[in-house]
C-alpha atoms as a PDB file:
ATOM      1  CA  UNK A   1     -19.976 -13.328  43.937  1.00  0.00           C
ATOM      2  CA  UNK A   2     -20.305 -17.064  44.519  1.00  0.00           C
ATOM      3  CA  UNK A   3     -22.579 -18.617  41.865  1.00  0.00           C
ATOM      4  CA  UNK A   4     -23.752 -22.212  40.909  1.00  0.00           C
ATOM      5  CA  UNK A   5     -23.156 -22.884  37.249  1.00  0.00           C
ATOM      6  CA  UNK A   6     -23.667 -25.779  34.851  1.00  0.00           C
ATOM      7  CA  UNK A   7     -21.428 -26.661  31.862  1.00  0.00           C
ATOM      8  CA  UNK A   8     -20.653 -29.330  29.414  1.00  0.00           C
ATOM      9  CA  UNK A   9     -17.190 -30.347  28.000  1.00  0.00           C
ATOM     10  CA  UNK A  10     -17.822 -27.916  25.089  1.00  0.00           C
ATOM     11  CA  UNK A  11     -18.309 -24.931  27.446  1.00  0.00           C
ATOM     12  CA  UNK A  12     -16.538 -25.608  30.710  1.00  0.00           C
ATOM     13  CA  UNK A  13     -14.115 -22.659  31.108  1.00  0.00           C
ATOM     14  CA  UNK A  14     -10.470 -23.607  31.082  1.00  0.00           C
ATOM     15  CA  UNK A  15      -9.753 -22.262  34.492  1.00  0.00           C
ATOM     16  CA  UNK A  16     -12.433 -24.477  36.048  1.00  0.00           C
ATOM     17  CA  UNK A  17     -11.411 -27.483  34.023  1.00  0.00           C
ATOM     18  CA  UNK A  18      -7.797 -27.090  35.340  1.00  0.00           C
ATOM     19  CA  UNK A  19      -9.044 -26.894  38.857  1.00  0.00           C
ATOM     20  CA  UNK A  20     -11.286 -29.949  38.559  1.00  0.00           C
ATOM     21  CA  UNK A  21      -8.510 -31.892  36.958  1.00  0.00           C
ATOM     22  CA  UNK A  22      -6.031 -30.888  39.525  1.00  0.00           C
ATOM     23  CA  UNK A  23      -8.288 -31.736  42.592  1.00  0.00           C
ATOM     24  CA  UNK A  24      -9.054 -35.237  40.903  1.00  0.00           C
ATOM     25  CA  UNK A  25      -5.354 -35.848  40.356  1.00  0.00           C
ATOM     26  CA  UNK A  26      -4.724 -35.098  43.934  1.00  0.00           C
ATOM     27  CA  UNK A  27      -7.422 -37.355  45.487  1.00  0.00           C
ATOM     28  CA  UNK A  28      -7.587 -40.009  42.675  1.00  0.00           C
ATOM     29  CA  UNK A  29      -3.952 -40.204  41.566  1.00  0.00           C
ATOM     30  CA  UNK A  30      -4.130 -42.655  38.821  1.00  0.00           C
ATOM     31  CA  UNK A  31      -6.470 -40.262  36.700  1.00  0.00           C
ATOM     32  CA  UNK A  32      -4.536 -37.726  34.539  1.00  0.00           C
ATOM     33  CA  UNK A  33      -1.298 -39.390  35.286  1.00  0.00           C
ATOM     34  CA  UNK A  34       0.028 -38.643  31.650  1.00  0.00           C
ATOM     35  CA  UNK A  35      -2.399 -36.153  30.357  1.00  0.00           C
ATOM     36  CA  UNK A  36      -2.795 -33.131  32.286  1.00  0.00           C
ATOM     37  CA  UNK A  37      -4.824 -31.382  29.509  1.00  0.00           C
ATOM     38  CA  UNK A  38      -7.539 -34.049  28.924  1.00  0.00           C
ATOM     39  CA  UNK A  39     -11.051 -33.246  29.530  1.00  0.00           C
ATOM     40  CA  UNK A  40     -12.078 -33.319  33.144  1.00  0.00           C
ATOM     41  CA  UNK A  41     -14.507 -36.191  32.381  1.00  0.00           C
ATOM     42  CA  UNK A  42     -14.399 -37.986  28.872  1.00  0.00           C
ATOM     43  CA  UNK A  43     -17.026 -37.073  26.314  1.00  0.00           C
ATOM     44  CA  UNK A  44     -17.947 -40.722  26.291  1.00  0.00           C
ATOM     45  CA  UNK A  45     -19.665 -40.110  29.745  1.00  0.00           C
ATOM     46  CA  UNK A  46     -21.521 -37.023  28.429  1.00  0.00           C
ATOM     47  CA  UNK A  47     -20.619 -35.014  31.627  1.00  0.00           C
ATOM     48  CA  UNK A  48     -22.605 -32.178  32.921  1.00  0.00           C
ATOM     49  CA  UNK A  49     -20.631 -30.219  35.495  1.00  0.00           C
ATOM     50  CA  UNK A  50     -22.223 -28.422  38.462  1.00  0.00           C
ATOM     51  CA  UNK A  51     -19.896 -25.908  40.175  1.00  0.00           C
ATOM     52  CA  UNK A  52     -19.745 -23.272  42.762  1.00  0.00           C
ATOM     53  CA  UNK A  53     -17.420 -20.602  41.750  1.00  0.00           C
ATOM     54  CA  UNK A  54     -16.406 -17.152  42.549  1.00  0.00           C
ATOM     55  CA  UNK A  55     -14.629 -16.369  39.279  1.00  0.00           C
ATOM     56  CA  UNK A  56     -12.105 -17.554  38.826  1.00  0.00           C
ATOM     57  CA  UNK A  57     -11.854 -19.768  41.792  1.00  0.00           C
ATOM     58  CA  UNK A  58     -13.704 -23.043  41.770  1.00  0.00           C
ATOM     59  CA  UNK A  59     -14.970 -23.907  45.332  1.00  0.00           C
ATOM     60  CA  UNK A  60     -16.937 -27.155  44.779  1.00  0.00           C
ATOM     61  CA  UNK A  61     -17.881 -29.515  41.996  1.00  0.00           C
ATOM     62  CA  UNK A  62     -20.060 -32.406  41.061  1.00  0.00           C
ATOM     63  CA  UNK A  63     -20.552 -34.118  37.684  1.00  0.00           C
ATOM     64  CA  UNK A  64     -23.414 -36.091  36.298  1.00  0.00           C
ATOM     65  CA  UNK A  65     -22.605 -38.776  33.739  1.00  0.00           C
ATOM     66  CA  UNK A  66     -24.267 -40.963  31.383  1.00  0.00           C
ATOM     67  CA  UNK A  67     -23.700 -44.873  30.868  1.00  0.00           C
ATOM     68  CA  UNK A  68     -25.599 -47.973  30.153  1.00  0.00           C
ATOM     69  CA  UNK A  69     -25.505 -50.649  32.827  1.00  0.00           C
ATOM     70  CA  UNK A  70     -26.552 -54.305  32.776  1.00  0.00           C
ATOM     71  CA  UNK A  71     -28.356 -56.228  35.497  1.00  0.00           C
ATOM     72  CA  UNK A  72     -29.733 -59.727  35.184  1.00  0.00           C
ATOM     73  CA  UNK A  73     -29.715 -59.732  31.307  1.00  0.00           C
ATOM     74  CA  UNK A  74     -31.400 -56.361  31.088  1.00  0.00           C
ATOM     75  CA  UNK A  75     -29.897 -52.991  29.917  1.00  0.00           C
ATOM     76  CA  UNK A  76     -30.557 -49.848  31.914  1.00  0.00           C
ATOM     77  CA  UNK A  77     -29.961 -46.364  31.218  1.00  0.00           C
ATOM     78  CA  UNK A  78     -27.694 -45.064  34.192  1.00  0.00           C
ATOM     79  CA  UNK A  79     -26.796 -41.516  35.331  1.00  0.00           C
ATOM     80  CA  UNK A  80     -23.747 -41.364  37.558  1.00  0.00           C
ATOM     81  CA  UNK A  81     -22.614 -38.784  40.184  1.00  0.00           C
ATOM     82  CA  UNK A  82     -19.075 -38.263  39.811  1.00  0.00           C
ATOM     83  CA  UNK A  83     -15.948 -36.167  40.933  1.00  0.00           C
ATOM     84  CA  UNK A  84     -17.803 -34.576  43.930  1.00  0.00           C
ATOM     85  CA  UNK A  85     -15.240 -32.385  45.596  1.00  0.00           C
ATOM     86  CA  UNK A  86     -14.866 -29.177  47.571  1.00  0.00           C
ATOM     87  CA  UNK A  87     -11.576 -27.395  48.097  1.00  0.00           C
ATOM     88  CA  UNK A  88     -10.494 -27.576  51.803  1.00  0.00           C
ATOM     89  CA  UNK A  89     -10.819 -23.753  52.426  1.00  0.00           C
ATOM     90  CA  UNK A  90     -14.418 -23.751  51.308  1.00  0.00           C
ATOM     91  CA  UNK A  91     -15.655 -26.752  53.175  1.00  0.00           C
ATOM     92  CA  UNK A  92     -18.451 -26.769  55.743  1.00  0.00           C
ATOM     93  CA  UNK A  93     -20.165 -23.825  53.802  1.00  0.00           C
ATOM     94  CA  UNK A  94     -22.928 -25.873  52.091  1.00  0.00           C
ATOM     95  CA  UNK A  95     -21.293 -25.753  48.702  1.00  0.00           C
ATOM     96  CA  UNK A  96     -20.993 -29.577  48.370  1.00  0.00           C
ATOM     97  CA  UNK A  97     -24.764 -29.743  49.246  1.00  0.00           C
ATOM     98  CA  UNK A  98     -25.475 -27.380  46.532  1.00  0.00           C
ATOM     99  CA  UNK A  99     -23.790 -29.152  43.779  1.00  0.00           C
ATOM    100  CA  UNK A 100     -24.752 -32.469  44.859  1.00  0.00           C
ATOM    101  CA  UNK A 101     -28.450 -31.279  44.973  1.00  0.00           C
ATOM    102  CA  UNK A 102     -28.165 -29.666  41.621  1.00  0.00           C
ATOM    103  CA  UNK A 103     -26.604 -32.866  39.909  1.00  0.00           C
ATOM    104  CA  UNK A 104     -29.117 -35.267  41.652  1.00  0.00           C
ATOM    105  CA  UNK A 105     -31.916 -33.055  40.354  1.00  0.00           C
ATOM    106  CA  UNK A 106     -30.436 -33.209  36.945  1.00  0.00           C
ATOM    107  CA  UNK A 107     -30.214 -37.041  37.147  1.00  0.00           C
ATOM    108  CA  UNK A 108     -33.837 -37.350  38.404  1.00  0.00           C
ATOM    109  CA  UNK A 109     -35.201 -35.223  35.297  1.00  0.00           C
ATOM    110  CA  UNK A 110     -32.998 -36.730  32.672  1.00  0.00           C
ATOM    111  CA  UNK A 111     -34.988 -39.938  31.978  1.00  0.00           C
ATOM    112  CA  UNK A 112     -32.648 -42.479  33.394  1.00  0.00           C
ATOM    113  CA  UNK A 113     -33.618 -45.738  34.805  1.00  0.00           C
ATOM    114  CA  UNK A 114     -31.073 -45.693  37.716  1.00  0.00           C
ATOM    115  CA  UNK A 115     -28.441 -43.538  39.161  1.00  0.00           C
ATOM    116  CA  UNK A 116     -25.253 -44.742  40.844  1.00  0.00           C
ATOM    117  CA  UNK A 117     -22.425 -43.319  42.786  1.00  0.00           C
ATOM    118  CA  UNK A 118     -19.393 -44.761  44.850  1.00  0.00           C
ATOM    119  CA  UNK A 119     -18.397 -43.089  48.072  1.00  0.00           C
ATOM    120  CA  UNK A 120     -16.872 -43.923  51.577  1.00  0.00           C
ATOM    121  CA  UNK A 121     -19.241 -45.358  54.073  1.00  0.00           C
ATOM    122  CA  UNK A 122     -18.728 -42.229  56.168  1.00  0.00           C
ATOM    123  CA  UNK A 123     -20.418 -40.140  53.614  1.00  0.00           C
ATOM    124  CA  UNK A 124     -23.759 -42.425  53.518  1.00  0.00           C
ATOM    125  CA  UNK A 125     -25.409 -39.907  55.561  1.00  0.00           C
ATOM    126  CA  UNK A 126     -24.565 -36.940  53.457  1.00  0.00           C
ATOM    127  CA  UNK A 127     -25.691 -38.509  50.184  1.00  0.00           C
ATOM    128  CA  UNK A 128     -28.649 -39.938  51.916  1.00  0.00           C
ATOM    129  CA  UNK A 129     -30.002 -36.570  52.533  1.00  0.00           C
ATOM    130  CA  UNK A 130     -30.344 -36.193  48.742  1.00  0.00           C
ATOM    131  CA  UNK A 131     -32.149 -39.618  48.256  1.00  0.00           C
ATOM    132  CA  UNK A 132     -29.376 -41.894  47.516  1.00  0.00           C
ATOM    133  CA  UNK A 133     -29.592 -45.275  49.106  1.00  0.00           C
ATOM    134  CA  UNK A 134     -27.017 -47.807  49.977  1.00  0.00           C
ATOM    135  CA  UNK A 135     -28.074 -51.339  49.794  1.00  0.00           C
ATOM    136  CA  UNK A 136     -25.529 -53.884  51.222  1.00  0.00           C
ATOM    137  CA  UNK A 137     -26.756 -56.615  48.825  1.00  0.00           C
ATOM    138  CA  UNK A 138     -26.110 -54.392  45.760  1.00  0.00           C
ATOM    139  CA  UNK A 139     -22.903 -55.312  43.942  1.00  0.00           C
ATOM    140  CA  UNK A 140     -21.220 -53.666  40.940  1.00  0.00           C
ATOM    141  CA  UNK A 141     -18.774 -55.341  38.631  1.00  0.00           C
ATOM    142  CA  UNK A 142     -16.444 -53.912  35.952  1.00  0.00           C
ATOM    143  CA  UNK A 143     -13.949 -54.920  33.384  1.00  0.00           C
ATOM    144  CA  UNK A 144     -14.173 -57.328  30.587  1.00  0.00           C
ATOM    145  CA  UNK A 145     -17.817 -58.347  30.315  1.00  0.00           C
ATOM    146  CA  UNK A 146     -16.887 -61.970  29.874  1.00  0.00           C
ATOM    147  CA  UNK A 147     -14.871 -61.830  33.248  1.00  0.00           C
ATOM    148  CA  UNK A 148     -15.807 -58.761  35.141  1.00  0.00           C
ATOM    149  CA  UNK A 149     -14.398 -58.209  38.636  1.00  0.00           C
ATOM    150  CA  UNK A 150     -16.123 -56.758  41.701  1.00  0.00           C
ATOM    151  CA  UNK A 151     -15.750 -53.083  41.873  1.00  0.00           C
ATOM    152  CA  UNK A 152     -14.658 -52.284  45.264  1.00  0.00           C
ATOM    153  CA  UNK A 153     -16.515 -49.193  46.312  1.00  0.00           C
ATOM    154  CA  UNK A 154     -19.434 -48.206  48.578  1.00  0.00           C
ATOM    155  CA  UNK A 155     -22.337 -48.060  45.987  1.00  0.00           C
ATOM    156  CA  UNK A 156     -25.364 -45.868  46.406  1.00  0.00           C
ATOM    157  CA  UNK A 157     -28.163 -46.037  44.214  1.00  0.00           C
ATOM    158  CA  UNK A 158     -31.381 -44.261  43.210  1.00  0.00           C
ATOM    159  CA  UNK A 159     -34.098 -46.207  41.272  1.00  0.00           C
ATOM    160  CA  UNK A 160     -35.653 -43.529  38.981  1.00  0.00           C
ATOM    161  CA  UNK A 161     -37.856 -45.232  36.332  1.00  0.00           C
ATOM    162  CA  UNK A 162     -40.741 -47.313  36.983  1.00  0.00           C
ATOM    163  CA  UNK A 163     -39.015 -50.206  35.259  1.00  0.00           C
ATOM    164  CA  UNK A 164     -36.115 -50.026  37.662  1.00  0.00           C
ATOM    165  CA  UNK A 165     -38.393 -49.831  40.642  1.00  0.00           C
ATOM    166  CA  UNK A 166     -40.306 -52.842  39.460  1.00  0.00           C
ATOM    167  CA  UNK A 167     -37.082 -54.770  38.984  1.00  0.00           C
ATOM    168  CA  UNK A 168     -35.506 -53.548  42.357  1.00  0.00           C
ATOM    169  CA  UNK A 169     -34.999 -57.243  43.369  1.00  0.00           C
ATOM    170  CA  UNK A 170     -32.906 -57.846  40.303  1.00  0.00           C
ATOM    171  CA  UNK A 171     -30.527 -55.130  41.512  1.00  0.00           C
ATOM    172  CA  UNK A 172     -30.406 -56.578  44.996  1.00  0.00           C
ATOM    173  CA  UNK A 173     -29.865 -60.252  43.730  1.00  0.00           C
ATOM    174  CA  UNK A 174     -27.697 -59.962  40.608  1.00  0.00           C
ATOM    175  CA  UNK A 175     -24.452 -57.986  40.123  1.00  0.00           C
ATOM    176  CA  UNK A 176     -24.740 -54.736  38.088  1.00  0.00           C
ATOM    177  CA  UNK A 177     -22.242 -54.547  35.145  1.00  0.00           C
ATOM    178  CA  UNK A 178     -21.034 -51.063  34.688  1.00  0.00           C
ATOM    179  CA  UNK A 179     -18.725 -51.510  31.947  1.00  0.00           C
ATOM    180  CA  UNK A 180     -14.921 -51.575  31.617  1.00  0.00           C
ATOM    181  CA  UNK A 181     -14.547 -48.918  34.335  1.00  0.00           C
ATOM    182  CA  UNK A 182     -16.310 -46.860  36.861  1.00  0.00           C
ATOM    183  CA  UNK A 183     -16.891 -43.110  36.609  1.00  0.00           C
END
């Protein structure tokens, strides 16, 4: 029976963790180059995994992560959407929609100021169905704080708190510093 389940690093079953890592290694080859037993997503990002499974097979996955970001001298709590994947044999069945909706719902209720994800332009409509917005003026930067570099990715955002909504112009006119690396 296919079910939608939610886990953290502390309770993510090993078979699911292995399948998430394997898929990530195939598509984002620089991750897990040397440690194939690392957590699917590091504890520093406080991941919450949303998976569609028919045990022991993982069909689809999305993770919600936590990070502080800075924009125009202000620090904001940020939720991120990360590692969205569906194994090819299970595509076009609505599984990705279910995990993205579950992760987005979680981000909406977790008291974040903003939420960010990076994708490709051809998926703007897919994520837009869940309330994610692309703003061409929004730029993200990463790396050393004293000299960050433009993060090359198609960013989509959700303004969640009143504070973020009120400061929306800052996000559109100043880069968002996301830390050393993206999620």
